[in-house]
C-alpha cells in the first residue's frame, strides 16, 4: 500500500534521510524507531506529503503521492507528535471543521464526531474551548480527527504523548483492531515496550539510514538480547546513560570551584 523507494532528503546538502526503503501493507503495524535526530520526523513529513524527497519516491497504491496529493490525503489519517489544534474551537467544532474540509456530509460528520468524542471520554467537554483541555484531551481529539473519515493509511507520531493510563491502554487495543480491519499503520514511538507489543515489524533508523528491519522477536533472537530496548540501544550505539547520570550527580554535588 505505502511504498518508499530509496527515499533521501537533504537540507543544504546535508542528508537527514538517506536511501530509506520499505513497504507498509494493509493490516500491518510498522514501528518506525530511532533516536532524536535520526530522520524519523523528516520521513513522516515525506510520507504525509508535507515535503518532497530529494531523491527516491513515495508511492501509495502504486502511484506517486504528489501526482494527486489531495486524493492521497483523503485516504490518510495523521496524528502529529505535538497536539497543534485551533484552541478557540471546542472539540466538537474542531471535528466538524475537519469533516467539512474533507468534504464529508454534514449529518455524517455530526454522527461520527459525537460518537468518537463519547467513546474517547470527551463528551462532557465537547462544547468547551480547547484552551481548557489538557494535553491528553487534545491528543484524543487529534486521534478522533485522524479516524473521522475512515482512512486506509494512518500515521501515528508519538500518539501516547499526554495520554493517561486508561486512554493509553484503549489506544493499544484500538491499534490492534485497526490492523485487523485492514488499515496500514505507521507507528512512530519512543515507548519501546508498546512497540514490541503492537508492531508486527520494526524499522530502526540511525543517522538517516535503516539499520534494522524485522519482526521484534527476530531482532531479539538474532542479537541474543532480552527485549527490543536492548536491541535498540545496541544498534544505535546509545550513550551509557547510567554513567552519564552518575557524572551529572557528581557535577551537581560540586560546591567549590
C-alpha atoms as a PDB file:
ATOM      1  CA  UNK A   1       0.000   0.000   0.000  1.00  0.00           C
ATOM      2  CA  UNK A   2       2.630   2.554   1.106  1.00  0.00           C
ATOM      3  CA  UNK A   3       5.963   2.120  -0.616  1.00  0.00           C
ATOM      4  CA  UNK A   4       9.119   4.157  -0.027  1.00  0.00           C
ATOM      5  CA  UNK A   5      11.724   3.566  -2.718  1.00  0.00           C
ATOM      6  CA  UNK A   6      15.298   4.649  -1.864  1.00  0.00           C
ATOM      7  CA  UNK A   7      13.996   7.885  -0.334  1.00  0.00           C
ATOM      8  CA  UNK A   8      16.520  10.537   0.660  1.00  0.00           C
ATOM      9  CA  UNK A   9      16.159  14.085   1.904  1.00  0.00           C
ATOM     10  CA  UNK A  10      18.930  16.650   2.267  1.00  0.00           C
ATOM     11  CA  UNK A  11      18.901  20.175   3.655  1.00  0.00           C
ATOM     12  CA  UNK A  12      21.603  22.468   2.198  1.00  0.00           C
ATOM     13  CA  UNK A  13      23.463  19.390   1.068  1.00  0.00           C
ATOM     14  CA  UNK A  14      23.351  17.728   4.499  1.00  0.00           C
ATOM     15  CA  UNK A  15      21.460  14.391   4.420  1.00  0.00           C
ATOM     16  CA  UNK A  16      18.677  13.944   7.002  1.00  0.00           C
ATOM     17  CA  UNK A  17      17.381  10.687   5.478  1.00  0.00           C
ATOM     18  CA  UNK A  18      19.436   8.509   3.151  1.00  0.00           C
ATOM     19  CA  UNK A  19      18.184   5.665   0.957  1.00  0.00           C
ATOM     20  CA  UNK A  20      15.223   4.573   3.092  1.00  0.00           C
ATOM     21  CA  UNK A  21      13.116   1.843   1.509  1.00  0.00           C
ATOM     22  CA  UNK A  22      10.195  -0.086   2.957  1.00  0.00           C
ATOM     23  CA  UNK A  23       6.707  -1.304   2.098  1.00  0.00           C
ATOM     24  CA  UNK A  24       3.774  -1.000   4.503  1.00  0.00           C
ATOM     25  CA  UNK A  25       0.945  -3.408   3.700  1.00  0.00           C
ATOM     26  CA  UNK A  26      -2.765  -3.378   4.643  1.00  0.00           C
ATOM     27  CA  UNK A  27      -3.304  -4.865   8.090  1.00  0.00           C
ATOM     28  CA  UNK A  28       0.281  -4.202   9.168  1.00  0.00           C
ATOM     29  CA  UNK A  29       1.501  -2.088  12.091  1.00  0.00           C
ATOM     30  CA  UNK A  30       5.035  -0.958  11.291  1.00  0.00           C
ATOM     31  CA  UNK A  31       7.107   0.533  14.101  1.00  0.00           C
ATOM     32  CA  UNK A  32       9.488   3.255  12.966  1.00  0.00           C
ATOM     33  CA  UNK A  33      12.119   3.925  15.604  1.00  0.00           C
ATOM     34  CA  UNK A  34      15.274   5.929  16.073  1.00  0.00           C
ATOM     35  CA  UNK A  35      16.989   8.313  18.479  1.00  0.00           C
ATOM     36  CA  UNK A  36      16.372  12.051  18.254  1.00  0.00           C
ATOM     37  CA  UNK A  37      17.852  13.441  15.052  1.00  0.00           C
ATOM     38  CA  UNK A  38      17.797  10.089  13.258  1.00  0.00           C
ATOM     39  CA  UNK A  39      15.434  11.256  10.489  1.00  0.00           C
ATOM     40  CA  UNK A  40      12.075   9.983  11.752  1.00  0.00           C
ATOM     41  CA  UNK A  41      10.311  13.358  11.549  1.00  0.00           C
ATOM     42  CA  UNK A  42      11.725  14.026   8.083  1.00  0.00           C
ATOM     43  CA  UNK A  43      10.445  10.628   6.928  1.00  0.00           C
ATOM     44  CA  UNK A  44       6.992  11.372   8.337  1.00  0.00           C
ATOM     45  CA  UNK A  45       6.894  14.737   6.551  1.00  0.00           C
ATOM     46  CA  UNK A  46       7.655  12.979   3.271  1.00  0.00           C
ATOM     47  CA  UNK A  47       5.051  10.270   3.927  1.00  0.00           C
ATOM     48  CA  UNK A  48       2.273  12.805   4.610  1.00  0.00           C
ATOM     49  CA  UNK A  49       3.294  14.865   1.580  1.00  0.00           C
ATOM     50  CA  UNK A  50       4.468  17.931   3.509  1.00  0.00           C
ATOM     51  CA  UNK A  51       7.876  17.848   1.816  1.00  0.00           C
ATOM     52  CA  UNK A  52       9.224  16.130  -1.295  1.00  0.00           C
ATOM     53  CA  UNK A  53      12.165  13.736  -1.220  1.00  0.00           C
ATOM     54  CA  UNK A  54      15.438  14.968  -2.675  1.00  0.00           C
ATOM     55  CA  UNK A  55      15.788  11.529  -4.264  1.00  0.00           C
ATOM     56  CA  UNK A  56      13.552   8.478  -4.439  1.00  0.00           C
ATOM     57  CA  UNK A  57       9.779   8.063  -4.451  1.00  0.00           C
ATOM     58  CA  UNK A  58       6.883   7.749  -2.018  1.00  0.00           C
ATOM     59  CA  UNK A  59       4.113   5.632  -3.565  1.00  0.00           C
ATOM     60  CA  UNK A  60       0.610   4.848  -2.356  1.00  0.00           C
ATOM     61  CA  UNK A  61      -1.297   2.048  -4.094  1.00  0.00           C
ATOM     62  CA  UNK A  62       1.422   2.089  -6.767  1.00  0.00           C
ATOM     63  CA  UNK A  63       1.134   5.807  -7.537  1.00  0.00           C
ATOM     64  CA  UNK A  64       3.490   8.638  -6.575  1.00  0.00           C
ATOM     65  CA  UNK A  65       1.684  10.607  -3.858  1.00  0.00           C
ATOM     66  CA  UNK A  66       2.401  14.050  -5.345  1.00  0.00           C
ATOM     67  CA  UNK A  67       0.704  13.041  -8.606  1.00  0.00           C
ATOM     68  CA  UNK A  68      -2.597  13.720  -6.798  1.00  0.00           C
ATOM     69  CA  UNK A  69      -1.853  14.852  -3.258  1.00  0.00           C
ATOM     70  CA  UNK A  70      -5.473  15.707  -2.417  1.00  0.00           C
ATOM     71  CA  UNK A  71      -6.669  12.231  -3.368  1.00  0.00           C
ATOM     72  CA  UNK A  72      -3.862  10.654  -1.365  1.00  0.00           C
ATOM     73  CA  UNK A  73      -4.569  12.725   1.743  1.00  0.00           C
ATOM     74  CA  UNK A  74      -8.239  11.774   1.536  1.00  0.00           C
ATOM     75  CA  UNK A  75      -7.094   8.242   2.389  1.00  0.00           C
ATOM     76  CA  UNK A  76      -4.579   9.314   5.049  1.00  0.00           C
ATOM     77  CA  UNK A  77      -5.098   9.810   8.782  1.00  0.00           C
ATOM     78  CA  UNK A  78      -2.348  11.542  10.747  1.00  0.00           C
ATOM     79  CA  UNK A  79      -1.792  12.154  14.456  1.00  0.00           C
ATOM     80  CA  UNK A  80       1.181  14.537  14.870  1.00  0.00           C
ATOM     81  CA  UNK A  81       3.662  14.410  17.737  1.00  0.00           C
ATOM     82  CA  UNK A  82       2.619  17.820  19.039  1.00  0.00           C
ATOM     83  CA  UNK A  83      -1.071  18.446  19.706  1.00  0.00           C
ATOM     84  CA  UNK A  84      -1.453  21.525  17.494  1.00  0.00           C
ATOM     85  CA  UNK A  85      -5.142  22.445  17.376  1.00  0.00           C
ATOM     86  CA  UNK A  86      -7.288  25.561  16.994  1.00  0.00           C
ATOM     87  CA  UNK A  87      -7.698  26.138  20.716  1.00  0.00           C
ATOM     88  CA  UNK A  88     -10.517  28.695  20.331  1.00  0.00           C
ATOM     89  CA  UNK A  89     -12.686  25.861  18.964  1.00  0.00           C
ATOM     90  CA  UNK A  90     -14.355  23.217  21.070  1.00  0.00           C
ATOM     91  CA  UNK A  91     -13.545  19.566  20.495  1.00  0.00           C
ATOM     92  CA  UNK A  92     -16.813  19.118  18.611  1.00  0.00           C
ATOM     93  CA  UNK A  93     -16.249  22.235  16.478  1.00  0.00           C
ATOM     94  CA  UNK A  94     -12.747  21.045  15.602  1.00  0.00           C
ATOM     95  CA  UNK A  95     -14.016  17.675  14.372  1.00  0.00           C
ATOM     96  CA  UNK A  96     -16.842  19.400  12.465  1.00  0.00           C
ATOM     97  CA  UNK A  97     -14.237  21.608  10.758  1.00  0.00           C
ATOM     98  CA  UNK A  98     -12.074  18.596   9.869  1.00  0.00           C
ATOM     99  CA  UNK A  99     -15.072  16.731   8.464  1.00  0.00           C
ATOM    100  CA  UNK A 100     -16.156  19.682   6.333  1.00  0.00           C
ATOM    101  CA  UNK A 101     -12.634  20.194   4.996  1.00  0.00           C
ATOM    102  CA  UNK A 102     -12.668  16.536   3.975  1.00  0.00           C
ATOM    103  CA  UNK A 103     -15.961  17.044   2.126  1.00  0.00           C
ATOM    104  CA  UNK A 104     -17.997  14.752   4.367  1.00  0.00           C
ATOM    105  CA  UNK A 105     -21.772  15.133   4.568  1.00  0.00           C
ATOM    106  CA  UNK A 106     -22.901  17.324   7.468  1.00  0.00           C
ATOM    107  CA  UNK A 107     -25.109  14.699   9.104  1.00  0.00           C
ATOM    108  CA  UNK A 108     -22.364  12.082   8.854  1.00  0.00           C
ATOM    109  CA  UNK A 109     -19.813  14.433  10.407  1.00  0.00           C
ATOM    110  CA  UNK A 110     -22.187  15.167  13.282  1.00  0.00           C
ATOM    111  CA  UNK A 111     -22.912  11.491  13.901  1.00  0.00           C
ATOM    112  CA  UNK A 112     -19.296  10.361  13.804  1.00  0.00           C
ATOM    113  CA  UNK A 113     -17.845  13.357  15.682  1.00  0.00           C
ATOM    114  CA  UNK A 114     -20.220  12.954  18.610  1.00  0.00           C
ATOM    115  CA  UNK A 115     -19.741   9.198  18.630  1.00  0.00           C
ATOM    116  CA  UNK A 116     -15.939   9.433  18.680  1.00  0.00           C
ATOM    117  CA  UNK A 117     -15.930  12.093  21.393  1.00  0.00           C
ATOM    118  CA  UNK A 118     -18.228   9.954  23.537  1.00  0.00           C
ATOM    119  CA  UNK A 119     -16.059   6.845  23.142  1.00  0.00           C
ATOM    120  CA  UNK A 120     -12.896   8.821  23.905  1.00  0.00           C
ATOM    121  CA  UNK A 121     -14.438  10.177  27.141  1.00  0.00           C
ATOM    122  CA  UNK A 122     -14.654  13.725  25.791  1.00  0.00           C
ATOM    123  CA  UNK A 123     -18.438  14.040  25.658  1.00  0.00           C
ATOM    124  CA  UNK A 124     -18.554  16.242  28.764  1.00  0.00           C
ATOM    125  CA  UNK A 125     -16.023  18.650  27.275  1.00  0.00           C
ATOM    126  CA  UNK A 126     -17.233  18.652  23.669  1.00  0.00           C
ATOM    127  CA  UNK A 127     -18.616  22.213  23.869  1.00  0.00           C
ATOM    128  CA  UNK A 128     -15.699  23.669  25.864  1.00  0.00           C
ATOM    129  CA  UNK A 129     -12.905  25.571  24.069  1.00  0.00           C
ATOM    130  CA  UNK A 130      -9.754  23.522  23.760  1.00  0.00           C
ATOM    131  CA  UNK A 131      -7.847  26.160  25.725  1.00  0.00           C
ATOM    132  CA  UNK A 132      -9.387  24.340  28.707  1.00  0.00           C
ATOM    133  CA  UNK A 133      -8.228  20.894  27.525  1.00  0.00           C
ATOM    134  CA  UNK A 134      -5.244  19.055  28.937  1.00  0.00           C
ATOM    135  CA  UNK A 135      -2.541  17.799  26.577  1.00  0.00           C
ATOM    136  CA  UNK A 136      -4.040  14.304  26.745  1.00  0.00           C
ATOM    137  CA  UNK A 137      -7.524  15.599  25.876  1.00  0.00           C
ATOM    138  CA  UNK A 138      -6.147  17.443  22.846  1.00  0.00           C
ATOM    139  CA  UNK A 139      -4.340  14.260  21.821  1.00  0.00           C
ATOM    140  CA  UNK A 140      -7.602  12.319  21.953  1.00  0.00           C
ATOM    141  CA  UNK A 141      -9.265  14.957  19.749  1.00  0.00           C
ATOM    142  CA  UNK A 142      -6.453  14.511  17.219  1.00  0.00           C
ATOM    143  CA  UNK A 143      -6.915  10.729  17.287  1.00  0.00           C
ATOM    144  CA  UNK A 144     -10.631  11.231  16.638  1.00  0.00           C
ATOM    145  CA  UNK A 145      -9.829  13.609  13.752  1.00  0.00           C
ATOM    146  CA  UNK A 146      -7.476  11.048  12.204  1.00  0.00           C
ATOM    147  CA  UNK A 147     -10.169   8.332  12.305  1.00  0.00           C
ATOM    148  CA  UNK A 148     -13.144  10.503  11.301  1.00  0.00           C
ATOM    149  CA  UNK A 149     -13.007   9.750   7.551  1.00  0.00           C
ATOM    150  CA  UNK A 150     -12.143   6.016   7.852  1.00  0.00           C
ATOM    151  CA  UNK A 151      -8.679   6.291   6.214  1.00  0.00           C
ATOM    152  CA  UNK A 152      -6.759   3.393   4.673  1.00  0.00           C
ATOM    153  CA  UNK A 153      -3.357   4.585   5.917  1.00  0.00           C
ATOM    154  CA  UNK A 154      -2.794   6.021   9.405  1.00  0.00           C
ATOM    155  CA  UNK A 155       0.399   7.643  10.670  1.00  0.00           C
ATOM    156  CA  UNK A 156       0.702   7.857  14.451  1.00  0.00           C
ATOM    157  CA  UNK A 157       3.639  10.020  15.589  1.00  0.00           C
ATOM    158  CA  UNK A 158       4.180   9.545  19.353  1.00  0.00           C
ATOM    159  CA  UNK A 159       0.407   9.079  19.865  1.00  0.00           C
ATOM    160  CA  UNK A 160       0.653   8.194  23.586  1.00  0.00           C
ATOM    161  CA  UNK A 161       2.069  11.622  24.472  1.00  0.00           C
ATOM    162  CA  UNK A 162      -0.030  13.061  27.294  1.00  0.00           C
ATOM    163  CA  UNK A 163      -2.461  10.141  27.492  1.00  0.00           C
ATOM    164  CA  UNK A 164      -3.382   8.739  30.896  1.00  0.00           C
ATOM    165  CA  UNK A 165      -3.073   5.016  31.635  1.00  0.00           C
ATOM    166  CA  UNK A 166      -6.653   4.167  30.649  1.00  0.00           C
ATOM    167  CA  UNK A 167      -6.504   6.137  27.394  1.00  0.00           C
ATOM    168  CA  UNK A 168      -3.118   4.593  26.555  1.00  0.00           C
ATOM    169  CA  UNK A 169      -4.498   1.087  27.066  1.00  0.00           C
ATOM    170  CA  UNK A 170      -7.548   1.918  24.937  1.00  0.00           C
ATOM    171  CA  UNK A 171      -5.247   3.198  22.199  1.00  0.00           C
ATOM    172  CA  UNK A 172      -3.190  -0.017  22.189  1.00  0.00           C
ATOM    173  CA  UNK A 173      -6.366  -2.095  21.823  1.00  0.00           C
ATOM    174  CA  UNK A 174      -7.584   0.280  19.099  1.00  0.00           C
ATOM    175  CA  UNK A 175      -4.311  -0.070  17.200  1.00  0.00           C
ATOM    176  CA  UNK A 176      -4.594  -3.862  17.066  1.00  0.00           C
ATOM    177  CA  UNK A 177      -8.238  -3.678  15.969  1.00  0.00           C
ATOM    178  CA  UNK A 178      -7.466  -1.151  13.222  1.00  0.00           C
ATOM    179  CA  UNK A 179      -4.862  -3.558  11.855  1.00  0.00           C
ATOM    180  CA  UNK A 180      -7.417  -6.385  11.886  1.00  0.00           C
ATOM    181  CA  UNK A 181      -9.716  -4.099   9.881  1.00  0.00           C
ATOM    182  CA  UNK A 182      -7.038  -3.870   7.182  1.00  0.00           C
ATOM    183  CA  UNK A 183      -5.615  -0.431   7.944  1.00  0.00           C
ATOM    184  CA  UNK A 184      -1.942   0.163   7.185  1.00  0.00           C
ATOM    185  CA  UNK A 185      -0.372   1.825  10.225  1.00  0.00           C
ATOM    186  CA  UNK A 186       2.972   3.595  10.536  1.00  0.00           C
ATOM    187  CA  UNK A 187       3.729   3.919  14.248  1.00  0.00           C
ATOM    188  CA  UNK A 188       6.481   6.230  15.481  1.00  0.00           C
ATOM    189  CA  UNK A 189       7.274   5.996  19.174  1.00  0.00           C
ATOM    190  CA  UNK A 190       9.946   6.010  21.867  1.00  0.00           C
ATOM    191  CA  UNK A 191       7.849   3.694  24.093  1.00  0.00           C
ATOM    192  CA  UNK A 192       9.603   0.501  23.080  1.00  0.00           C
ATOM    193  CA  UNK A 193       7.553  -1.901  25.212  1.00  0.00           C
ATOM    194  CA  UNK A 194       4.412  -0.741  23.379  1.00  0.00           C
ATOM    195  CA  UNK A 195       6.124  -1.095  20.004  1.00  0.00           C
ATOM    196  CA  UNK A 196       7.174  -4.616  20.945  1.00  0.00           C
ATOM    197  CA  UNK A 197       3.585  -5.491  21.813  1.00  0.00           C
ATOM    198  CA  UNK A 198       1.644  -3.965  18.919  1.00  0.00           C
ATOM    199  CA  UNK A 199       4.011  -3.872  15.911  1.00  0.00           C
ATOM    200  CA  UNK A 200       4.398  -6.874  13.613  1.00  0.00           C
ATOM    201  CA  UNK A 201       7.538  -5.323  12.176  1.00  0.00           C
ATOM    202  CA  UNK A 202      10.077  -2.731  13.270  1.00  0.00           C
ATOM    203  CA  UNK A 203      12.405  -0.450  11.340  1.00  0.00           C
ATOM    204  CA  UNK A 204      15.241   1.185  13.278  1.00  0.00           C
ATOM    205  CA  UNK A 205      16.759   4.330  11.829  1.00  0.00           C
ATOM    206  CA  UNK A 206      20.156   5.732  12.791  1.00  0.00           C
ATOM    207  CA  UNK A 207      21.746   8.850  11.281  1.00  0.00           C
ATOM    208  CA  UNK A 208      19.193   8.785   8.469  1.00  0.00           C
ATOM    209  CA  UNK A 209      19.805   5.153   7.462  1.00  0.00           C
ATOM    210  CA  UNK A 210      17.909   1.948   8.151  1.00  0.00           C
ATOM    211  CA  UNK A 211      19.986  -0.283  10.444  1.00  0.00           C
ATOM    212  CA  UNK A 212      17.305  -2.933  11.089  1.00  0.00           C
ATOM    213  CA  UNK A 213      14.044  -4.113   9.518  1.00  0.00           C
ATOM    214  CA  UNK A 214      12.484  -7.233  11.055  1.00  0.00           C
ATOM    215  CA  UNK A 215       9.903  -8.549  13.493  1.00  0.00           C
ATOM    216  CA  UNK A 216      10.701  -7.570  17.113  1.00  0.00           C
ATOM    217  CA  UNK A 217      11.122 -11.223  18.093  1.00  0.00           C
ATOM    218  CA  UNK A 218      13.528 -11.838  15.214  1.00  0.00           C
ATOM    219  CA  UNK A 219      15.673  -8.895  16.280  1.00  0.00           C
ATOM    220  CA  UNK A 220      15.900 -10.021  19.901  1.00  0.00           C
ATOM    221  CA  UNK A 221      16.674 -13.617  18.892  1.00  0.00           C
ATOM    222  CA  UNK A 222      19.227 -12.614  16.265  1.00  0.00           C
ATOM    223  CA  UNK A 223      21.122 -10.362  18.645  1.00  0.00           C
ATOM    224  CA  UNK A 224      20.555 -12.638  21.661  1.00  0.00           C
ATOM    225  CA  UNK A 225      19.178  -9.780  23.713  1.00  0.00           C
ATOM    226  CA  UNK A 226      16.220  -9.850  26.131  1.00  0.00           C
ATOM    227  CA  UNK A 227      13.994  -7.181  24.622  1.00  0.00           C
ATOM    228  CA  UNK A 228      13.601  -4.549  21.927  1.00  0.00           C
ATOM    229  CA  UNK A 229      15.006  -1.802  24.149  1.00  0.00           C
ATOM    230  CA  UNK A 230      18.301  -3.684  24.424  1.00  0.00           C
ATOM    231  CA  UNK A 231      18.347  -4.244  20.656  1.00  0.00           C
ATOM    232  CA  UNK A 232      17.643  -0.560  20.037  1.00  0.00           C
ATOM    233  CA  UNK A 233      20.456   0.537  22.352  1.00  0.00           C
ATOM    234  CA  UNK A 234      22.890  -1.851  20.689  1.00  0.00           C
ATOM    235  CA  UNK A 235      22.016  -0.870  17.125  1.00  0.00           C
ATOM    236  CA  UNK A 236      22.135   2.886  17.609  1.00  0.00           C
ATOM    237  CA  UNK A 237      25.119   2.771  19.968  1.00  0.00           C
ATOM    238  CA  UNK A 238      23.404   4.876  22.588  1.00  0.00           C
ATOM    239  CA  UNK A 239      25.207   6.725  25.352  1.00  0.00           C
ATOM    240  CA  UNK A 240      25.951   4.841  28.564  1.00  0.00           C
ATOM    241  CA  UNK A 241      23.100   6.584  30.372  1.00  0.00           C
ATOM    242  CA  UNK A 242      23.952   5.152  33.813  1.00  0.00           C
ATOM    243  CA  UNK A 243      27.489   6.555  33.520  1.00  0.00           C
ATOM    244  CA  UNK A 244      26.240   9.963  32.368  1.00  0.00           C
ATOM    245  CA  UNK A 245      23.689  10.024  35.216  1.00  0.00           C
ATOM    246  CA  UNK A 246      26.453   9.388  37.768  1.00  0.00           C
ATOM    247  CA  UNK A 247      28.560  12.180  36.256  1.00  0.00           C
ATOM    248  CA  UNK A 248      25.595  14.582  36.344  1.00  0.00           C
ATOM    249  CA  UNK A 249      25.142  13.907  40.045  1.00  0.00           C
ATOM    250  CA  UNK A 250      28.866  14.385  40.628  1.00  0.00           C
ATOM    251  CA  UNK A 251      28.773  17.787  38.920  1.00  0.00           C
ATOM    252  CA  UNK A 252      25.609  18.715  40.819  1.00  0.00           C
ATOM    253  CA  UNK A 253      27.344  17.949  44.134  1.00  0.00           C
ATOM    254  CA  UNK A 254      30.361  20.188  43.474  1.00  0.00           C
ATOM    255  CA  UNK A 255      30.257  23.106  45.930  1.00  0.00           C
ATOM    256  CA  UNK A 256      33.646  24.719  45.455  1.00  0.00           C
ATOM    257  CA  UNK A 257      35.337  25.832  42.224  1.00  0.00           C
END
